[in-house]
Amino acid sequence: MGDLEIRPATVDDVSAIVAMLADDPLGAQRESPDDLTPYVAALERLSADPNQHLVVATHEGRVVGTLQLTVIPGLSRRGATRSIIEAVRVHADERGSGLGTRLIEWAVEESRRQNCQLVQLTSDSSRTDAHRFYERLGFTASRVGFKLPL
């Protein structure tokens, strides 16, 4: 994967990103690839916020991966800045190629560049393969997550 590029997502990438988000049992239930309007609006909001980094990985001109990195300044941990990695997806054709590792390495390096003291991520409890992947990259399962749909 020599010509891999990781770059900010553009409106032209939205269809490919949404297709990857929808390409698993969880995403298939919550994503709507047939209507890109809310995704384009979300990209506009993300692009306007300097603490949001929605990126795509391209190989041979094709979008093959994505993730979102959010940088959060904080007061706890002696005023530490942390980052959160979310929505990591690799196109089905590229799984097992090392692309996921490259995406996470990019996010960790960008977090360092942004002077973050901690990188966090969450993964649905049903994604056991993803949990092994993140542990292999040095992440530890250290929290119990909660959510409240609004």
N, C-alpha and C. Protein backbone atom coordinates (compact mmCIF):
# COMPACT_ATOMS: atom_id res chain seq x y z
N MET A 1 0.84 -1.18 0.00
CA MET A 1 0.00 0.00 0.00
C MET A 1 0.89 1.24 0.00
N GLY A 2 1.79 1.32 -0.96
CA GLY A 2 2.77 2.39 -1.02
C GLY A 2 2.20 3.76 -1.27
N ASP A 3 1.13 3.88 -2.06
CA ASP A 3 0.61 5.20 -2.39
C ASP A 3 -0.55 5.61 -1.48
N LEU A 4 -0.61 5.05 -0.28
CA LEU A 4 -1.67 5.40 0.66
C LEU A 4 -1.54 6.85 1.08
N GLU A 5 -2.67 7.56 1.03
CA GLU A 5 -2.71 8.94 1.51
C GLU A 5 -3.81 9.05 2.55
N ILE A 6 -3.52 9.69 3.66
CA ILE A 6 -4.51 10.01 4.68
C ILE A 6 -4.68 11.51 4.65
N ARG A 7 -5.93 11.94 4.38
CA ARG A 7 -6.19 13.37 4.18
C ARG A 7 -7.57 13.72 4.72
N PRO A 8 -7.83 15.02 4.90
CA PRO A 8 -9.17 15.43 5.34
C PRO A 8 -10.23 14.99 4.34
N ALA A 9 -11.37 14.58 4.85
CA ALA A 9 -12.48 14.17 4.00
C ALA A 9 -13.10 15.39 3.32
N THR A 10 -13.58 15.19 2.11
CA THR A 10 -14.28 16.24 1.37
C THR A 10 -15.69 15.74 1.05
N VAL A 11 -16.52 16.63 0.55
CA VAL A 11 -17.89 16.27 0.20
C VAL A 11 -17.91 15.15 -0.84
N ASP A 12 -16.89 15.09 -1.69
CA ASP A 12 -16.84 14.02 -2.70
C ASP A 12 -16.61 12.65 -2.08
N ASP A 13 -16.15 12.61 -0.83
CA ASP A 13 -15.86 11.35 -0.14
C ASP A 13 -17.05 10.81 0.65
N VAL A 14 -18.08 11.63 0.83
CA VAL A 14 -19.17 11.28 1.75
C VAL A 14 -19.83 9.96 1.38
N SER A 15 -20.11 9.74 0.12
CA SER A 15 -20.78 8.50 -0.29
C SER A 15 -19.95 7.27 0.09
N ALA A 16 -18.65 7.32 -0.16
CA ALA A 16 -17.78 6.19 0.17
C ALA A 16 -17.68 5.99 1.69
N ILE A 17 -17.63 7.09 2.45
CA ILE A 17 -17.56 6.99 3.91
C ILE A 17 -18.83 6.34 4.44
N VAL A 18 -19.98 6.82 3.99
CA VAL A 18 -21.25 6.29 4.48
C VAL A 18 -21.39 4.81 4.10
N ALA A 19 -20.94 4.45 2.92
CA ALA A 19 -21.00 3.04 2.52
C ALA A 19 -20.18 2.17 3.48
N MET A 20 -19.01 2.66 3.89
CA MET A 20 -18.20 1.89 4.85
C MET A 20 -18.87 1.85 6.22
N LEU A 21 -19.48 2.96 6.65
CA LEU A 21 -20.17 2.98 7.94
C LEU A 21 -21.33 1.99 7.95
N ALA A 22 -21.99 1.82 6.81
CA ALA A 22 -23.15 0.94 6.73
C ALA A 22 -22.79 -0.52 6.47
N ASP A 23 -21.51 -0.80 6.22
CA ASP A 23 -21.09 -2.14 5.81
C ASP A 23 -20.73 -3.04 6.99
N ASP A 24 -21.61 -3.12 7.97
CA ASP A 24 -21.49 -4.12 9.03
C ASP A 24 -22.86 -4.22 9.71
N PRO A 25 -23.08 -5.24 10.53
CA PRO A 25 -24.42 -5.43 11.10
C PRO A 25 -24.93 -4.22 11.90
N LEU A 26 -24.06 -3.58 12.66
CA LEU A 26 -24.50 -2.41 13.44
C LEU A 26 -24.79 -1.22 12.54
N GLY A 27 -23.87 -0.93 11.64
CA GLY A 27 -24.03 0.21 10.75
C GLY A 27 -25.22 0.06 9.82
N ALA A 28 -25.48 -1.15 9.39
CA ALA A 28 -26.62 -1.39 8.49
C ALA A 28 -27.93 -0.99 9.14
N GLN A 29 -28.01 -1.04 10.47
CA GLN A 29 -29.23 -0.68 11.19
C GLN A 29 -29.38 0.83 11.39
N ARG A 30 -28.26 1.57 11.36
CA ARG A 30 -28.36 2.98 11.74
C ARG A 30 -27.95 3.97 10.66
N GLU A 31 -27.37 3.51 9.57
CA GLU A 31 -26.94 4.42 8.51
C GLU A 31 -27.93 4.37 7.34
N SER A 32 -27.95 5.46 6.56
CA SER A 32 -28.88 5.57 5.42
C SER A 32 -28.12 6.04 4.19
N PRO A 33 -27.42 5.15 3.50
CA PRO A 33 -26.64 5.53 2.33
C PRO A 33 -27.45 6.13 1.19
N ASP A 34 -28.78 5.95 1.20
CA ASP A 34 -29.62 6.47 0.13
C ASP A 34 -29.89 7.97 0.25
N ASP A 35 -29.66 8.54 1.42
CA ASP A 35 -29.89 9.98 1.63
C ASP A 35 -28.65 10.58 2.27
N LEU A 36 -27.81 11.20 1.46
CA LEU A 36 -26.55 11.75 1.96
C LEU A 36 -26.68 13.15 2.57
N THR A 37 -27.87 13.74 2.50
CA THR A 37 -28.06 15.11 2.97
C THR A 37 -27.59 15.31 4.42
N PRO A 38 -28.00 14.48 5.38
CA PRO A 38 -27.54 14.72 6.75
C PRO A 38 -26.03 14.52 6.92
N TYR A 39 -25.45 13.66 6.12
CA TYR A 39 -24.01 13.41 6.21
C TYR A 39 -23.21 14.60 5.67
N VAL A 40 -23.70 15.18 4.58
CA VAL A 40 -23.03 16.35 4.02
C VAL A 40 -23.11 17.51 5.02
N ALA A 41 -24.28 17.68 5.65
CA ALA A 41 -24.43 18.73 6.66
C ALA A 41 -23.48 18.49 7.84
N ALA A 42 -23.35 17.23 8.24
CA ALA A 42 -22.44 16.89 9.34
C ALA A 42 -20.99 17.18 8.95
N LEU A 43 -20.62 16.86 7.72
CA LEU A 43 -19.26 17.14 7.26
C LEU A 43 -18.98 18.64 7.30
N GLU A 44 -19.96 19.45 6.93
CA GLU A 44 -19.79 20.91 6.98
C GLU A 44 -19.53 21.37 8.42
N ARG A 45 -20.28 20.82 9.38
CA ARG A 45 -20.06 21.17 10.79
C ARG A 45 -18.69 20.72 11.26
N LEU A 46 -18.32 19.51 10.90
CA LEU A 46 -17.01 18.98 11.30
C LEU A 46 -15.88 19.81 10.71
N SER A 47 -15.99 20.14 9.44
CA SER A 47 -14.94 20.89 8.75
C SER A 47 -14.76 22.29 9.34
N ALA A 48 -15.80 22.84 9.92
CA ALA A 48 -15.73 24.18 10.50
C ALA A 48 -15.13 24.19 11.90
N ASP A 49 -14.95 23.02 12.50
CA ASP A 49 -14.46 22.91 13.88
C ASP A 49 -13.01 22.44 13.86
N PRO A 50 -12.07 23.29 14.32
CA PRO A 50 -10.66 22.90 14.26
C PRO A 50 -10.29 21.72 15.16
N ASN A 51 -11.18 21.32 16.07
CA ASN A 51 -10.92 20.18 16.94
C ASN A 51 -11.44 18.87 16.37
N GLN A 52 -12.03 18.92 15.19
CA GLN A 52 -12.57 17.73 14.54
C GLN A 52 -11.74 17.40 13.31
N HIS A 53 -11.37 16.14 13.17
CA HIS A 53 -10.57 15.70 12.04
C HIS A 53 -11.21 14.45 11.46
N LEU A 54 -12.04 14.62 10.44
CA LEU A 54 -12.60 13.49 9.72
C LEU A 54 -11.69 13.25 8.53
N VAL A 55 -11.05 12.09 8.51
CA VAL A 55 -10.08 11.81 7.45
C VAL A 55 -10.48 10.57 6.68
N VAL A 56 -9.95 10.49 5.47
CA VAL A 56 -10.08 9.29 4.66
C VAL A 56 -8.69 8.81 4.28
N ALA A 57 -8.59 7.52 4.08
CA ALA A 57 -7.39 6.93 3.52
C ALA A 57 -7.73 6.57 2.08
N THR A 58 -6.86 6.98 1.16
CA THR A 58 -7.09 6.65 -0.24
C THR A 58 -5.92 5.80 -0.75
N HIS A 59 -6.26 4.88 -1.60
CA HIS A 59 -5.27 4.00 -2.24
C HIS A 59 -5.63 3.92 -3.71
N GLU A 60 -4.69 4.30 -4.55
CA GLU A 60 -4.93 4.32 -5.99
C GLU A 60 -6.17 5.16 -6.33
N GLY A 61 -6.33 6.27 -5.61
CA GLY A 61 -7.42 7.20 -5.87
C GLY A 61 -8.77 6.81 -5.31
N ARG A 62 -8.85 5.69 -4.60
CA ARG A 62 -10.12 5.19 -4.07
C ARG A 62 -10.14 5.31 -2.55
N VAL A 63 -11.25 5.76 -1.98
CA VAL A 63 -11.39 5.85 -0.52
C VAL A 63 -11.52 4.43 0.02
N VAL A 64 -10.57 4.06 0.90
CA VAL A 64 -10.54 2.70 1.43
C VAL A 64 -10.59 2.65 2.95
N GLY A 65 -10.61 3.80 3.60
CA GLY A 65 -10.68 3.83 5.06
C GLY A 65 -11.06 5.20 5.54
N THR A 66 -11.50 5.26 6.79
CA THR A 66 -11.89 6.54 7.38
C THR A 66 -11.81 6.45 8.89
N LEU A 67 -11.69 7.58 9.53
CA LEU A 67 -11.87 7.70 10.97
C LEU A 67 -12.11 9.15 11.32
N GLN A 68 -12.63 9.36 12.51
CA GLN A 68 -12.81 10.71 13.04
C GLN A 68 -11.98 10.82 14.31
N LEU A 69 -11.21 11.89 14.40
CA LEU A 69 -10.40 12.20 15.58
C LEU A 69 -10.91 13.52 16.15
N THR A 70 -11.29 13.49 17.42
CA THR A 70 -11.78 14.68 18.10
C THR A 70 -10.79 15.05 19.19
N VAL A 71 -10.34 16.30 19.21
CA VAL A 71 -9.41 16.80 20.22
C VAL A 71 -10.23 17.58 21.24
N ILE A 72 -10.06 17.22 22.52
CA ILE A 72 -10.86 17.81 23.58
C ILE A 72 -9.96 18.42 24.65
N PRO A 73 -9.91 19.75 24.72
CA PRO A 73 -9.20 20.37 25.84
C PRO A 73 -9.99 20.10 27.12
N GLY A 74 -9.29 19.95 28.22
CA GLY A 74 -10.00 19.66 29.46
C GLY A 74 -9.35 20.27 30.68
N LEU A 75 -10.04 20.17 31.79
CA LEU A 75 -9.54 20.67 33.06
C LEU A 75 -8.96 19.53 33.90
N SER A 76 -9.54 18.35 33.79
CA SER A 76 -9.05 17.21 34.59
C SER A 76 -7.67 16.77 34.11
N ARG A 77 -7.03 15.95 34.91
CA ARG A 77 -5.67 15.47 34.60
C ARG A 77 -4.72 16.64 34.40
N ARG A 78 -4.85 17.63 35.28
CA ARG A 78 -3.97 18.81 35.28
C ARG A 78 -4.10 19.61 33.98
N GLY A 79 -5.34 19.73 33.50
CA GLY A 79 -5.59 20.51 32.30
C GLY A 79 -5.20 19.80 31.02
N ALA A 80 -5.26 18.49 31.04
CA ALA A 80 -4.82 17.70 29.89
C ALA A 80 -5.77 17.83 28.70
N THR A 81 -5.19 17.76 27.54
CA THR A 81 -5.95 17.65 26.30
C THR A 81 -5.96 16.17 25.93
N ARG A 82 -7.10 15.68 25.53
CA ARG A 82 -7.22 14.28 25.12
C ARG A 82 -7.83 14.22 23.73
N SER A 83 -7.73 13.08 23.11
CA SER A 83 -8.39 12.90 21.82
C SER A 83 -9.21 11.62 21.88
N ILE A 84 -10.21 11.61 21.03
CA ILE A 84 -11.09 10.44 20.91
C ILE A 84 -11.10 10.00 19.45
N ILE A 85 -10.83 8.74 19.24
CA ILE A 85 -10.89 8.14 17.90
C ILE A 85 -12.26 7.47 17.77
N GLU A 86 -12.96 7.77 16.68
CA GLU A 86 -14.28 7.20 16.46
C GLU A 86 -14.45 6.81 14.99
N ALA A 87 -15.48 6.00 14.75
CA ALA A 87 -15.92 5.66 13.39
C ALA A 87 -14.77 5.18 12.51
N VAL A 88 -13.96 4.29 13.05
CA VAL A 88 -12.87 3.69 12.27
C VAL A 88 -13.47 2.64 11.35
N ARG A 89 -13.24 2.80 10.06
CA ARG A 89 -13.75 1.82 9.10
C ARG A 89 -12.70 1.59 8.02
N VAL A 90 -12.60 0.35 7.61
CA VAL A 90 -11.73 -0.05 6.50
C VAL A 90 -12.61 -0.77 5.49
N HIS A 91 -12.48 -0.40 4.22
CA HIS A 91 -13.26 -1.05 3.16
C HIS A 91 -13.02 -2.56 3.22
N ALA A 92 -14.07 -3.32 2.97
CA ALA A 92 -14.00 -4.79 3.06
C ALA A 92 -12.86 -5.36 2.22
N ASP A 93 -12.58 -4.77 1.06
CA ASP A 93 -11.51 -5.27 0.18
C ASP A 93 -10.12 -5.07 0.77
N GLU A 94 -9.98 -4.18 1.75
CA GLU A 94 -8.67 -3.83 2.30
C GLU A 94 -8.44 -4.38 3.70
N ARG A 95 -9.41 -5.06 4.28
CA ARG A 95 -9.24 -5.58 5.63
C ARG A 95 -8.13 -6.61 5.63
N GLY A 96 -7.29 -6.54 6.66
CA GLY A 96 -6.15 -7.45 6.76
C GLY A 96 -4.91 -6.94 6.06
N SER A 97 -4.99 -5.75 5.45
CA SER A 97 -3.86 -5.20 4.69
C SER A 97 -2.93 -4.34 5.53
N GLY A 98 -3.31 -4.08 6.79
CA GLY A 98 -2.53 -3.17 7.62
C GLY A 98 -3.06 -1.75 7.60
N LEU A 99 -4.10 -1.49 6.81
CA LEU A 99 -4.65 -0.15 6.71
C LEU A 99 -5.21 0.34 8.04
N GLY A 100 -5.92 -0.50 8.76
CA GLY A 100 -6.45 -0.09 10.06
C GLY A 100 -5.35 0.36 11.00
N THR A 101 -4.26 -0.38 11.01
CA THR A 101 -3.11 0.00 11.84
C THR A 101 -2.57 1.35 11.40
N ARG A 102 -2.46 1.57 10.11
CA ARG A 102 -1.95 2.85 9.61
C ARG A 102 -2.87 4.00 10.01
N LEU A 103 -4.17 3.79 9.95
CA LEU A 103 -5.11 4.83 10.35
C LEU A 103 -4.96 5.16 11.84
N ILE A 104 -4.89 4.14 12.67
CA ILE A 104 -4.75 4.38 14.12
C ILE A 104 -3.40 5.04 14.41
N GLU A 105 -2.34 4.61 13.74
CA GLU A 105 -1.04 5.26 13.94
C GLU A 105 -1.11 6.73 13.54
N TRP A 106 -1.82 7.05 12.46
CA TRP A 106 -1.98 8.45 12.06
C TRP A 106 -2.68 9.22 13.18
N ALA A 107 -3.76 8.64 13.73
CA ALA A 107 -4.53 9.32 14.77
C ALA A 107 -3.70 9.54 16.03
N VAL A 108 -2.89 8.57 16.41
CA VAL A 108 -2.04 8.72 17.59
C VAL A 108 -0.99 9.79 17.34
N GLU A 109 -0.38 9.79 16.17
CA GLU A 109 0.63 10.81 15.86
C GLU A 109 0.01 12.20 15.79
N GLU A 110 -1.17 12.32 15.21
CA GLU A 110 -1.85 13.61 15.16
C GLU A 110 -2.21 14.06 16.57
N SER A 111 -2.59 13.14 17.42
CA SER A 111 -2.89 13.47 18.82
C SER A 111 -1.64 14.00 19.52
N ARG A 112 -0.51 13.39 19.27
CA ARG A 112 0.75 13.89 19.83
C ARG A 112 1.04 15.30 19.30
N ARG A 113 0.85 15.48 18.00
CA ARG A 113 1.09 16.78 17.39
C ARG A 113 0.19 17.86 18.00
N GLN A 114 -1.00 17.46 18.41
CA GLN A 114 -1.95 18.38 19.03
C GLN A 114 -1.72 18.50 20.54
N ASN A 115 -0.63 17.92 21.03
CA ASN A 115 -0.26 17.96 22.45
C ASN A 115 -1.27 17.28 23.37
N CYS A 116 -1.88 16.22 22.88
CA CYS A 116 -2.78 15.43 23.72
C CYS A 116 -1.96 14.55 24.66
N GLN A 117 -2.47 14.38 25.86
CA GLN A 117 -1.81 13.51 26.82
C GLN A 117 -2.44 12.11 26.88
N LEU A 118 -3.57 11.94 26.20
CA LEU A 118 -4.30 10.68 26.26
C LEU A 118 -5.10 10.51 24.98
N VAL A 119 -5.10 9.31 24.43
CA VAL A 119 -5.94 8.97 23.29
C VAL A 119 -6.95 7.93 23.77
N GLN A 120 -8.21 8.18 23.50
CA GLN A 120 -9.27 7.27 23.91
C GLN A 120 -10.03 6.81 22.68
N LEU A 121 -10.69 5.68 22.81
CA LEU A 121 -11.63 5.25 21.78
C LEU A 121 -12.65 4.35 22.44
N THR A 122 -13.79 4.25 21.80
CA THR A 122 -14.81 3.31 22.25
C THR A 122 -15.10 2.35 21.11
N SER A 123 -15.58 1.20 21.48
CA SER A 123 -15.93 0.19 20.50
C SER A 123 -17.15 -0.55 21.04
N ASP A 124 -18.13 -0.77 20.20
CA ASP A 124 -19.31 -1.48 20.64
C ASP A 124 -18.92 -2.81 21.27
N SER A 125 -19.61 -3.18 22.33
CA SER A 125 -19.25 -4.40 23.06
C SER A 125 -19.31 -5.65 22.20
N SER A 126 -20.06 -5.62 21.10
CA SER A 126 -20.17 -6.80 20.24
C SER A 126 -19.00 -6.93 19.26
N ARG A 127 -18.15 -5.93 19.15
CA ARG A 127 -17.06 -5.95 18.16
C ARG A 127 -15.78 -6.57 18.74
N THR A 128 -15.83 -7.85 19.02
CA THR A 128 -14.70 -8.50 19.69
C THR A 128 -13.44 -8.51 18.82
N ASP A 129 -13.58 -8.62 17.52
CA ASP A 129 -12.39 -8.56 16.65
C ASP A 129 -11.72 -7.19 16.75
N ALA A 130 -12.53 -6.14 16.78
CA ALA A 130 -12.00 -4.79 16.92
C ALA A 130 -11.29 -4.63 18.26
N HIS A 131 -11.84 -5.22 19.31
CA HIS A 131 -11.20 -5.12 20.64
C HIS A 131 -9.81 -5.74 20.61
N ARG A 132 -9.67 -6.89 19.99
CA ARG A 132 -8.34 -7.53 19.88
C ARG A 132 -7.40 -6.65 19.06
N PHE A 133 -7.90 -6.05 18.00
CA PHE A 133 -7.11 -5.16 17.16
C PHE A 133 -6.57 -3.99 17.99
N TYR A 134 -7.44 -3.31 18.74
CA TYR A 134 -7.01 -2.16 19.52
C TYR A 134 -6.04 -2.56 20.63
N GLU A 135 -6.27 -3.69 21.25
CA GLU A 135 -5.34 -4.18 22.29
C GLU A 135 -3.97 -4.47 21.68
N ARG A 136 -3.96 -5.03 20.49
CA ARG A 136 -2.70 -5.32 19.81
C ARG A 136 -1.91 -4.03 19.54
N LEU A 137 -2.63 -2.91 19.39
CA LEU A 137 -1.98 -1.62 19.14
C LEU A 137 -1.63 -0.88 20.42
N GLY A 138 -1.85 -1.51 21.58
CA GLY A 138 -1.44 -0.92 22.85
C GLY A 138 -2.54 -0.28 23.66
N PHE A 139 -3.76 -0.27 23.17
CA PHE A 139 -4.88 0.28 23.93
C PHE A 139 -5.32 -0.73 24.98
N THR A 140 -5.79 -0.24 26.12
CA THR A 140 -6.30 -1.12 27.15
C THR A 140 -7.76 -0.81 27.42
N ALA A 141 -8.53 -1.86 27.67
CA ALA A 141 -9.94 -1.70 28.03
C ALA A 141 -9.96 -1.20 29.48
N SER A 142 -10.33 0.07 29.65
CA SER A 142 -10.20 0.67 30.99
C SER A 142 -11.47 1.36 31.47
N ARG A 143 -12.52 1.37 30.70
CA ARG A 143 -13.71 2.12 31.05
C ARG A 143 -14.95 1.27 30.76
N VAL A 144 -16.02 1.67 31.39
CA VAL A 144 -17.34 1.16 31.05
C VAL A 144 -18.08 2.34 30.46
N GLY A 145 -18.60 2.19 29.26
CA GLY A 145 -19.27 3.30 28.58
C GLY A 145 -20.77 3.25 28.79
N PHE A 146 -21.37 4.43 28.79
CA PHE A 146 -22.81 4.56 28.91
C PHE A 146 -23.29 5.51 27.82
N LYS A 147 -24.51 5.34 27.38
CA LYS A 147 -25.07 6.29 26.42
C LYS A 147 -26.54 6.48 26.71
N LEU A 148 -27.04 7.62 26.30
CA LEU A 148 -28.44 7.97 26.49
C LEU A 148 -28.95 8.53 25.17
N PRO A 149 -29.75 7.77 24.44
CA PRO A 149 -30.30 8.31 23.19
C PRO A 149 -31.18 9.52 23.45
N LEU A 150 -31.03 10.54 22.63
CA LEU A 150 -31.86 11.75 22.78
C LEU A 150 -32.75 11.94 21.56
